[in-house]
Structures are given as C-alpha cells and as structure tokens.
Amino acid sequence: MLKYVIKRILMIIPVVLAVSFIVFFIMDFVPSDPAVTALGDGATEEQLEYYRETHGLNDPLVVRYVRYMGGILHGDMGTSYANNQQVWDLFFAKFPNTLRLAVASVVVTVVLSIPLGVIAAVKENTWVDTVCSTLSFIGLAMPNFWLGLLLIMLFAVNLGLLPSTGADGFASLILPAITCGTGNMAALTRITRSSMLDVLKQDYLRTARAKGQSESKIITHHAFKNAQIPVVTQIGIQMSTLIGGAVLTERVFAWPGVGAFLVDSIQKSDFEVVTGFVIMLAIFVSIVLLIVDVLYAFMDPRIKAQYARS
C-alpha cells in the first residue's frame, strides 16, 4: 500500500511538468505584453525594452520554461507583474478561501444528494423516485450565477439574514456553499441511485432479508456500504473541480478565492501568476485524487489486496 502511494505521488511530477509547459506554451501566444502590465501604459519604449531584457522576456520559450522550473525547485514561483508580490504568497492567501468553499459545497452536495439517491433507488419507478430525481435536477437546471443572485435577493436583501459578499466568518460561507452544492446535486444523486440499484439486486441482500434483518439495516449496513465506491469517486471529482475554482460563484459573491483571482490575472496577462496558480492547482487536484484512491482500499478489501499485490 505504501509503495502504491509513493508511486502515485511520483506520478504528480510528470503531471506538473506537462501542465506547466502547456500553460507556458499557451500564454506565449497571448497578444499582450507583461512589461506593459508591470510598468503601465505610460512607460516609454526604452523602459519596456529594458524590463523585457532584464526579466528574460526576450529569451526563447524553452529557455524561459527551464529557468522557471529551476526557480520552482528552489521554492521560487516568480513575482506577479501586476502587483509585484510573490506568486507563492498570493496563492496561499487565496487558496484557503477556495478550499473552505469547496469543502462546504461538497458537504451540502453529500447531505442533499446521497439521501435522495438512496431513497430513489429503494423506491424505484414510483412517484417517490420521480420526485427525488426532479429535486436533484433543480440545481443543474439553474445556472450558478442566477441561483446565487436569487439567494442574495432573498436572504441578504429582503430578509437581511446573511451577508451577500466577502469571506468574513461562517455566515458568509452559507450562500456560496449552497450555490455550488446544489449545482452538483444531479450528478451525485444519479450516481448514488445507479450504484444502489446494482447492489440491491445482489443475492446476499436476499439472504440478509431471509435472516430477518430489518430493511433499514440492510440498506444502510449492507447495500450502501457496497455501493459507495462510485459515490466517493464522484465526490472526489466534484472536490477537484471546486478546488480548480468555482469562478462564477466567486464572482457573484465577491469571494476572494483562487478562481476569480486567476481570471483577473489572465485578463491582466500576469503570466507568472497564471502559471504558478495552475501548477499549484494541478498539485492539489492530484492530491485529492490520490486520497480518493487510498480511500478505496479502506472501503473494499479486494482493492486493498490488489494494491498489496502490485
């Protein structure tokens, strides 16, 4: 098991290399000048050219890429062209807010979706199944920015119960988490329902019923326990997506996270920030997927045995 974890950690290295080179390659074709971003529109051509030369912006793409990756190995992710701050410091100033939002959104999704999926599977092809499926698709049918604006109008403007913007305390997290969480309800509910339906048809559940076990114990202790691997996979995917940045939600609620700041940096052609942020997000997404893989072994002994053999 330990060897497998180490192997997966080492696999992050080629992912980071590939992501960083792709970002470097794409940003090199963006029709903008980092020197103008750093010095402003009032800078003379001589000042711009001096900045490009001293910061290596005139060097070939491969040379700049190798120099940048060498800096990362020494803990230097560069300096933002727009505000002259270290990219490392900027990322970790924004990332905790994104992580808080991602975790809270996943909690909302799990609390709403898993019960709906389980109930829909147990009551298959009944009106209960139809209602549960319909409720789960409400979040998918409503765009995040529209749902977020509705929640702001209701709870912040009309009722005055919750703040509409910022990241000051738990209260400011509720509306963004609900906005993101309900948007992911449909996928997780559908996966839960489908996985439960497969398990409910297995012979060992009929055996459990024949032994006189209660239906609630059969559903919670036997059926859902063996149906949770696809559910955990979907939760991991949603967590990875949210860590990548819930841009629309962060925009609507003025949430100071990674996604909104990354979009602003792209608009400003702040190449150092864009490259550094994307690399760090790729690392954290890889870590989330690694955690999901490790959880498989704890949920299914057969998978743990495969890890041991490999």
Protein backbone atom coordinates (compact mmCIF):
# COMPACT_ATOMS: atom_id res chain seq x y z
CA MET A 1 0.00 0.00 0.00
CA LEU A 2 2.81 2.40 0.91
CA LYS A 3 4.61 1.64 -2.34
CA TYR A 4 1.45 2.43 -4.27
CA VAL A 5 1.05 5.78 -2.50
CA ILE A 6 4.69 6.67 -3.19
CA LYS A 7 4.24 5.69 -6.83
CA ARG A 8 1.17 7.92 -7.14
CA ILE A 9 3.00 10.82 -5.50
CA LEU A 10 5.85 10.44 -8.00
CA MET A 11 3.28 10.49 -10.82
CA ILE A 12 2.44 14.07 -9.83
CA ILE A 13 5.83 15.16 -11.19
CA PRO A 14 5.09 14.48 -14.91
CA VAL A 15 1.63 15.98 -14.43
CA VAL A 16 3.15 19.21 -13.13
CA LEU A 17 5.70 19.26 -15.95
CA ALA A 18 3.05 18.72 -18.61
CA VAL A 19 0.64 21.29 -17.15
CA SER A 20 3.34 23.91 -16.68
CA PHE A 21 4.65 23.54 -20.25
CA ILE A 22 1.15 23.70 -21.73
CA VAL A 23 0.41 26.88 -19.77
CA PHE A 24 3.74 28.37 -20.82
CA PHE A 25 3.06 27.49 -24.45
CA ILE A 26 -0.47 28.95 -24.45
CA MET A 27 0.43 32.13 -22.58
CA ASP A 28 3.27 32.77 -25.05
CA PHE A 29 0.66 33.28 -27.77
CA VAL A 30 -1.47 35.71 -25.76
CA PRO A 31 -1.36 39.07 -27.63
CA SER A 32 -0.24 41.16 -24.67
CA ASP A 33 2.98 42.40 -23.08
CA PRO A 34 3.90 41.59 -19.47
CA ALA A 35 6.18 44.63 -19.46
CA VAL A 36 3.16 46.88 -20.05
CA THR A 37 1.34 45.08 -17.24
CA ALA A 38 4.24 45.72 -14.88
CA LEU A 39 5.14 49.30 -15.86
CA GLY A 40 1.78 50.64 -17.03
CA ASP A 41 0.67 52.27 -20.27
CA GLY A 42 2.71 55.40 -19.56
CA ALA A 43 6.08 53.63 -19.84
CA THR A 44 8.37 54.54 -22.74
CA GLU A 45 9.54 52.01 -25.28
CA GLU A 46 13.07 52.15 -23.82
CA GLN A 47 11.72 51.35 -20.35
CA LEU A 48 9.63 48.48 -21.70
CA GLU A 49 12.55 47.01 -23.61
CA TYR A 50 14.84 47.31 -20.59
CA TYR A 51 12.25 45.49 -18.45
CA ARG A 52 11.90 42.71 -21.03
CA GLU A 53 15.65 42.25 -21.25
CA THR A 54 16.33 42.28 -17.52
CA HIS A 55 13.48 39.86 -16.78
CA GLY A 56 14.35 37.47 -19.61
CA LEU A 57 11.13 38.04 -21.54
CA ASN A 58 13.05 38.21 -24.82
CA ASP A 59 14.51 34.74 -24.33
CA PRO A 60 13.13 31.74 -26.25
CA LEU A 61 10.20 29.86 -24.77
CA VAL A 62 12.25 26.79 -23.81
CA VAL A 63 14.87 28.90 -22.04
CA ARG A 64 12.21 30.75 -20.04
CA TYR A 65 10.47 27.49 -19.18
CA VAL A 66 13.65 25.78 -17.93
CA ARG A 67 14.56 28.87 -15.89
CA TYR A 68 11.07 28.99 -14.37
CA MET A 69 11.07 25.31 -13.41
CA GLY A 70 14.54 25.74 -11.91
CA GLY A 71 13.14 28.52 -9.77
CA ILE A 72 10.29 26.28 -8.58
CA LEU A 73 12.83 23.67 -7.45
CA HIS A 74 14.30 26.37 -5.23
CA GLY A 75 10.89 27.44 -3.90
CA ASP A 76 10.56 30.48 -6.16
CA MET A 77 7.40 30.69 -8.28
CA GLY A 78 8.16 34.14 -9.55
CA THR A 79 6.77 37.60 -8.89
CA SER A 80 3.45 38.98 -10.09
CA TYR A 81 3.81 41.54 -12.88
CA ALA A 82 0.67 43.38 -11.76
CA ASN A 83 1.35 43.95 -8.05
CA ASN A 84 5.00 42.91 -7.55
CA GLN A 85 4.16 40.25 -4.94
CA GLN A 86 5.44 36.70 -4.73
CA VAL A 87 3.17 34.26 -6.55
CA TRP A 88 3.62 31.75 -3.71
CA ASP A 89 2.29 34.28 -1.18
CA LEU A 90 -0.61 35.29 -3.45
CA PHE A 91 -1.68 31.69 -3.96
CA PHE A 92 -1.72 30.77 -0.29
CA ALA A 93 -3.54 34.00 0.51
CA LYS A 94 -6.38 32.92 -1.81
CA PHE A 95 -6.32 29.12 -1.62
CA PRO A 96 -7.66 28.71 1.96
CA ASN A 97 -10.84 30.54 0.92
CA THR A 98 -11.25 28.31 -2.13
CA LEU A 99 -10.66 25.20 -0.02
CA ARG A 100 -13.23 26.33 2.54
CA LEU A 101 -15.78 26.90 -0.20
CA ALA A 102 -15.00 23.57 -1.86
CA VAL A 103 -15.35 21.56 1.36
CA ALA A 104 -18.56 23.34 2.38
CA SER A 105 -20.05 22.85 -1.11
CA VAL A 106 -19.24 19.13 -1.10
CA VAL A 107 -20.84 18.79 2.34
CA VAL A 108 -24.02 20.44 1.01
CA THR A 109 -23.99 18.16 -2.02
CA VAL A 110 -23.48 15.00 0.05
CA VAL A 111 -26.14 15.90 2.62
CA LEU A 112 -28.70 16.55 -0.11
CA SER A 113 -27.78 14.04 -2.81
CA ILE A 114 -26.99 10.78 -1.04
CA PRO A 115 -30.34 10.53 0.80
CA LEU A 116 -32.18 11.42 -2.42
CA GLY A 117 -30.22 8.81 -4.38
CA VAL A 118 -30.76 6.07 -1.81
CA ILE A 119 -34.48 6.79 -1.47
CA ALA A 120 -34.88 6.93 -5.25
CA ALA A 121 -33.22 3.53 -5.61
CA VAL A 122 -35.25 1.90 -2.83
CA LYS A 123 -38.49 3.32 -4.29
CA GLU A 124 -37.54 2.62 -7.90
CA ASN A 125 -40.11 3.53 -10.58
CA THR A 126 -42.51 5.10 -8.08
CA TRP A 127 -43.63 8.69 -7.60
CA VAL A 128 -41.03 8.97 -4.83
CA ASP A 129 -38.31 8.11 -7.32
CA THR A 130 -39.65 10.75 -9.71
CA VAL A 131 -39.78 13.44 -7.02
CA CYS A 132 -36.24 12.69 -5.80
CA SER A 133 -34.85 12.76 -9.33
CA THR A 134 -36.67 16.01 -10.09
CA LEU A 135 -35.37 17.68 -6.94
CA SER A 136 -31.83 16.65 -7.76
CA PHE A 137 -32.02 18.21 -11.21
CA ILE A 138 -33.25 21.57 -9.93
CA GLY A 139 -29.71 22.63 -9.09
CA LEU A 140 -28.47 21.52 -12.50
CA ALA A 141 -31.25 23.37 -14.31
CA MET A 142 -30.44 26.68 -12.58
CA PRO A 143 -27.15 28.37 -13.56
CA ASN A 144 -24.92 29.09 -10.58
CA PHE A 145 -24.83 32.83 -11.10
CA TRP A 146 -28.65 33.01 -11.33
CA LEU A 147 -29.19 30.85 -8.25
CA GLY A 148 -26.60 32.90 -6.39
CA LEU A 149 -28.37 36.16 -7.26
CA LEU A 150 -31.71 34.71 -6.13
CA LEU A 151 -30.22 33.65 -2.80
CA ILE A 152 -28.69 37.11 -2.33
CA MET A 153 -32.02 38.81 -3.07
CA LEU A 154 -33.90 36.56 -0.65
CA PHE A 155 -31.57 36.05 2.32
CA ALA A 156 -29.35 39.13 2.11
CA VAL A 157 -31.50 41.89 0.63
CA ASN A 158 -35.08 41.03 1.62
CA LEU A 159 -34.58 39.12 4.89
CA GLY A 160 -31.20 40.52 5.89
CA LEU A 161 -30.19 37.21 7.46
CA LEU A 162 -26.90 36.52 5.68
CA PRO A 163 -24.13 38.60 4.12
CA SER A 164 -24.05 38.76 0.34
CA THR A 165 -20.33 39.22 -0.26
CA GLY A 166 -16.93 38.63 1.29
CA ALA A 167 -15.45 35.83 3.37
CA ASP A 168 -15.95 37.06 6.92
CA GLY A 169 -16.91 34.12 9.10
CA PHE A 170 -19.20 31.13 8.72
CA ALA A 171 -22.29 33.15 7.79
CA SER A 172 -20.68 34.47 4.60
CA LEU A 173 -19.92 30.87 3.54
CA ILE A 174 -23.52 29.62 3.61
CA LEU A 175 -24.89 31.16 0.40
CA PRO A 176 -21.85 30.38 -1.81
CA ALA A 177 -21.77 26.80 -0.49
CA ILE A 178 -25.46 26.29 -1.23
CA THR A 179 -25.00 27.75 -4.71
CA CYS A 180 -22.14 25.41 -5.59
CA GLY A 181 -23.53 22.43 -3.70
CA THR A 182 -26.95 22.39 -5.35
CA GLY A 183 -25.31 22.67 -8.76
CA ASN A 184 -23.60 19.30 -8.19
CA MET A 185 -26.67 17.54 -6.78
CA ALA A 186 -27.84 15.94 -10.02
CA ALA A 187 -24.63 14.06 -10.79
CA LEU A 188 -24.13 12.67 -7.29
CA THR A 189 -27.80 11.72 -6.88
CA ARG A 190 -27.77 9.90 -10.21
CA ILE A 191 -24.55 8.03 -9.34
CA THR A 192 -25.89 7.09 -5.90
CA ARG A 193 -29.17 5.85 -7.33
CA SER A 194 -27.50 3.82 -10.08
CA SER A 195 -24.96 2.26 -7.72
CA MET A 196 -27.64 1.39 -5.17
CA LEU A 197 -29.83 -0.22 -7.82
CA ASP A 198 -26.95 -2.51 -8.82
CA VAL A 199 -26.32 -3.55 -5.23
CA LEU A 200 -29.99 -4.01 -4.30
CA LYS A 201 -30.25 -6.76 -6.92
CA GLN A 202 -27.47 -8.85 -5.38
CA ASP A 203 -28.20 -12.24 -3.83
CA TYR A 204 -26.61 -11.51 -0.46
CA LEU A 205 -29.30 -8.92 0.29
CA ARG A 206 -32.00 -11.52 -0.18
CA THR A 207 -30.05 -13.71 2.22
CA ALA A 208 -29.94 -10.89 4.76
CA ARG A 209 -33.70 -10.44 4.46
CA ALA A 210 -34.22 -14.17 4.89
CA LYS A 211 -32.25 -13.98 8.15
CA GLY A 212 -34.79 -11.48 9.43
CA GLN A 213 -32.67 -8.35 9.40
CA SER A 214 -34.57 -5.08 9.26
CA GLU A 215 -34.88 -3.27 5.92
CA SER A 216 -33.21 -0.13 7.28
CA LYS A 217 -30.17 -2.12 8.44
CA ILE A 218 -29.99 -3.88 5.10
CA ILE A 219 -30.00 -0.56 3.25
CA THR A 220 -27.50 1.27 5.47
CA HIS A 221 -25.14 -1.51 6.58
CA HIS A 222 -25.10 -3.77 3.54
CA ALA A 223 -26.35 -2.05 0.40
CA PHE A 224 -24.92 1.45 0.74
CA LYS A 225 -21.63 0.17 2.16
CA ASN A 226 -21.03 -1.77 -1.04
CA ALA A 227 -22.37 0.98 -3.30
CA GLN A 228 -20.20 3.80 -2.01
CA ILE A 229 -17.12 3.46 -4.25
CA PRO A 230 -18.74 5.17 -7.29
CA VAL A 231 -20.19 7.74 -4.89
CA VAL A 232 -16.78 8.53 -3.41
CA THR A 233 -15.34 8.76 -6.92
CA GLN A 234 -17.93 11.36 -7.88
CA ILE A 235 -17.31 13.29 -4.66
CA GLY A 236 -13.60 13.35 -5.44
CA ILE A 237 -14.26 14.64 -8.95
CA GLN A 238 -16.51 17.39 -7.63
CA MET A 239 -13.96 18.34 -4.99
CA SER A 240 -11.27 18.57 -7.66
CA THR A 241 -13.48 20.76 -9.83
CA LEU A 242 -14.26 23.11 -6.96
CA ILE A 243 -10.60 23.37 -5.96
CA GLY A 244 -9.91 24.34 -9.56
CA GLY A 245 -12.03 27.38 -8.86
CA ALA A 246 -15.78 27.96 -8.77
CA VAL A 247 -15.30 31.12 -10.83
CA LEU A 248 -18.92 32.18 -11.32
CA THR A 249 -19.83 31.66 -7.68
CA GLU A 250 -16.74 33.51 -6.51
CA ARG A 251 -17.64 36.39 -8.83
CA VAL A 252 -21.25 36.64 -7.71
CA PHE A 253 -20.42 36.60 -4.00
CA ALA A 254 -17.14 38.54 -4.30
CA TRP A 255 -15.49 35.53 -2.71
CA PRO A 256 -11.70 36.08 -2.51
CA GLY A 257 -10.70 32.71 -3.91
CA VAL A 258 -8.29 31.31 -6.45
CA GLY A 259 -10.70 31.12 -9.38
CA ALA A 260 -11.72 34.77 -9.51
CA PHE A 261 -8.15 35.97 -8.94
CA LEU A 262 -6.87 33.66 -11.68
CA VAL A 263 -9.38 35.07 -14.18
CA ASP A 264 -8.31 38.61 -13.27
CA SER A 265 -4.67 37.63 -13.77
CA ILE A 266 -5.41 36.18 -17.21
CA GLN A 267 -7.11 39.43 -18.20
CA LYS A 268 -4.07 41.38 -16.99
CA SER A 269 -1.66 39.00 -18.78
CA ASP A 270 0.05 38.32 -15.45
CA PHE A 271 1.85 35.24 -16.76
CA GLU A 272 3.73 34.45 -13.56
CA VAL A 273 0.53 34.28 -11.52
CA VAL A 274 -1.35 32.25 -14.13
CA THR A 275 1.44 29.68 -14.47
CA GLY A 276 2.07 29.41 -10.73
CA PHE A 277 -1.60 29.13 -9.82
CA VAL A 278 -2.30 26.47 -12.45
CA ILE A 279 0.68 24.40 -11.30
CA MET A 280 -0.38 24.59 -7.66
CA LEU A 281 -3.98 23.70 -8.53
CA ALA A 282 -2.76 20.70 -10.54
CA ILE A 283 -0.79 19.53 -7.50
CA PHE A 284 -3.74 19.86 -5.12
CA VAL A 285 -6.13 18.17 -7.55
CA SER A 286 -3.68 15.27 -7.87
CA ILE A 287 -3.54 15.03 -4.08
CA VAL A 288 -7.34 14.88 -3.86
CA LEU A 289 -7.46 12.07 -6.44
CA LEU A 290 -4.71 10.24 -4.55
CA ILE A 291 -6.75 10.46 -1.34
CA VAL A 292 -9.76 9.04 -3.18
CA ASP A 293 -7.69 6.10 -4.43
CA VAL A 294 -6.42 5.38 -0.92
CA LEU A 295 -9.97 5.51 0.45
CA TYR A 296 -10.93 2.73 -1.98
CA ALA A 297 -8.67 0.35 -0.07
CA PHE A 298 -10.43 1.10 3.21
CA MET A 299 -13.87 0.63 1.67
CA ASP A 300 -13.16 -2.56 -0.27
CA PRO A 301 -10.67 -5.20 0.97
CA ARG A 302 -10.39 -6.59 -2.56
CA ILE A 303 -8.90 -3.32 -3.79
CA LYS A 304 -6.50 -3.27 -0.84
CA ALA A 305 -5.38 -6.77 -1.82
CA GLN A 306 -4.74 -5.58 -5.38
CA TYR A 307 -2.63 -2.70 -4.04
CA ALA A 308 -0.66 -5.18 -1.93
CA ARG A 309 0.00 -7.45 -4.92
CA SER A 310 1.04 -4.53 -7.13
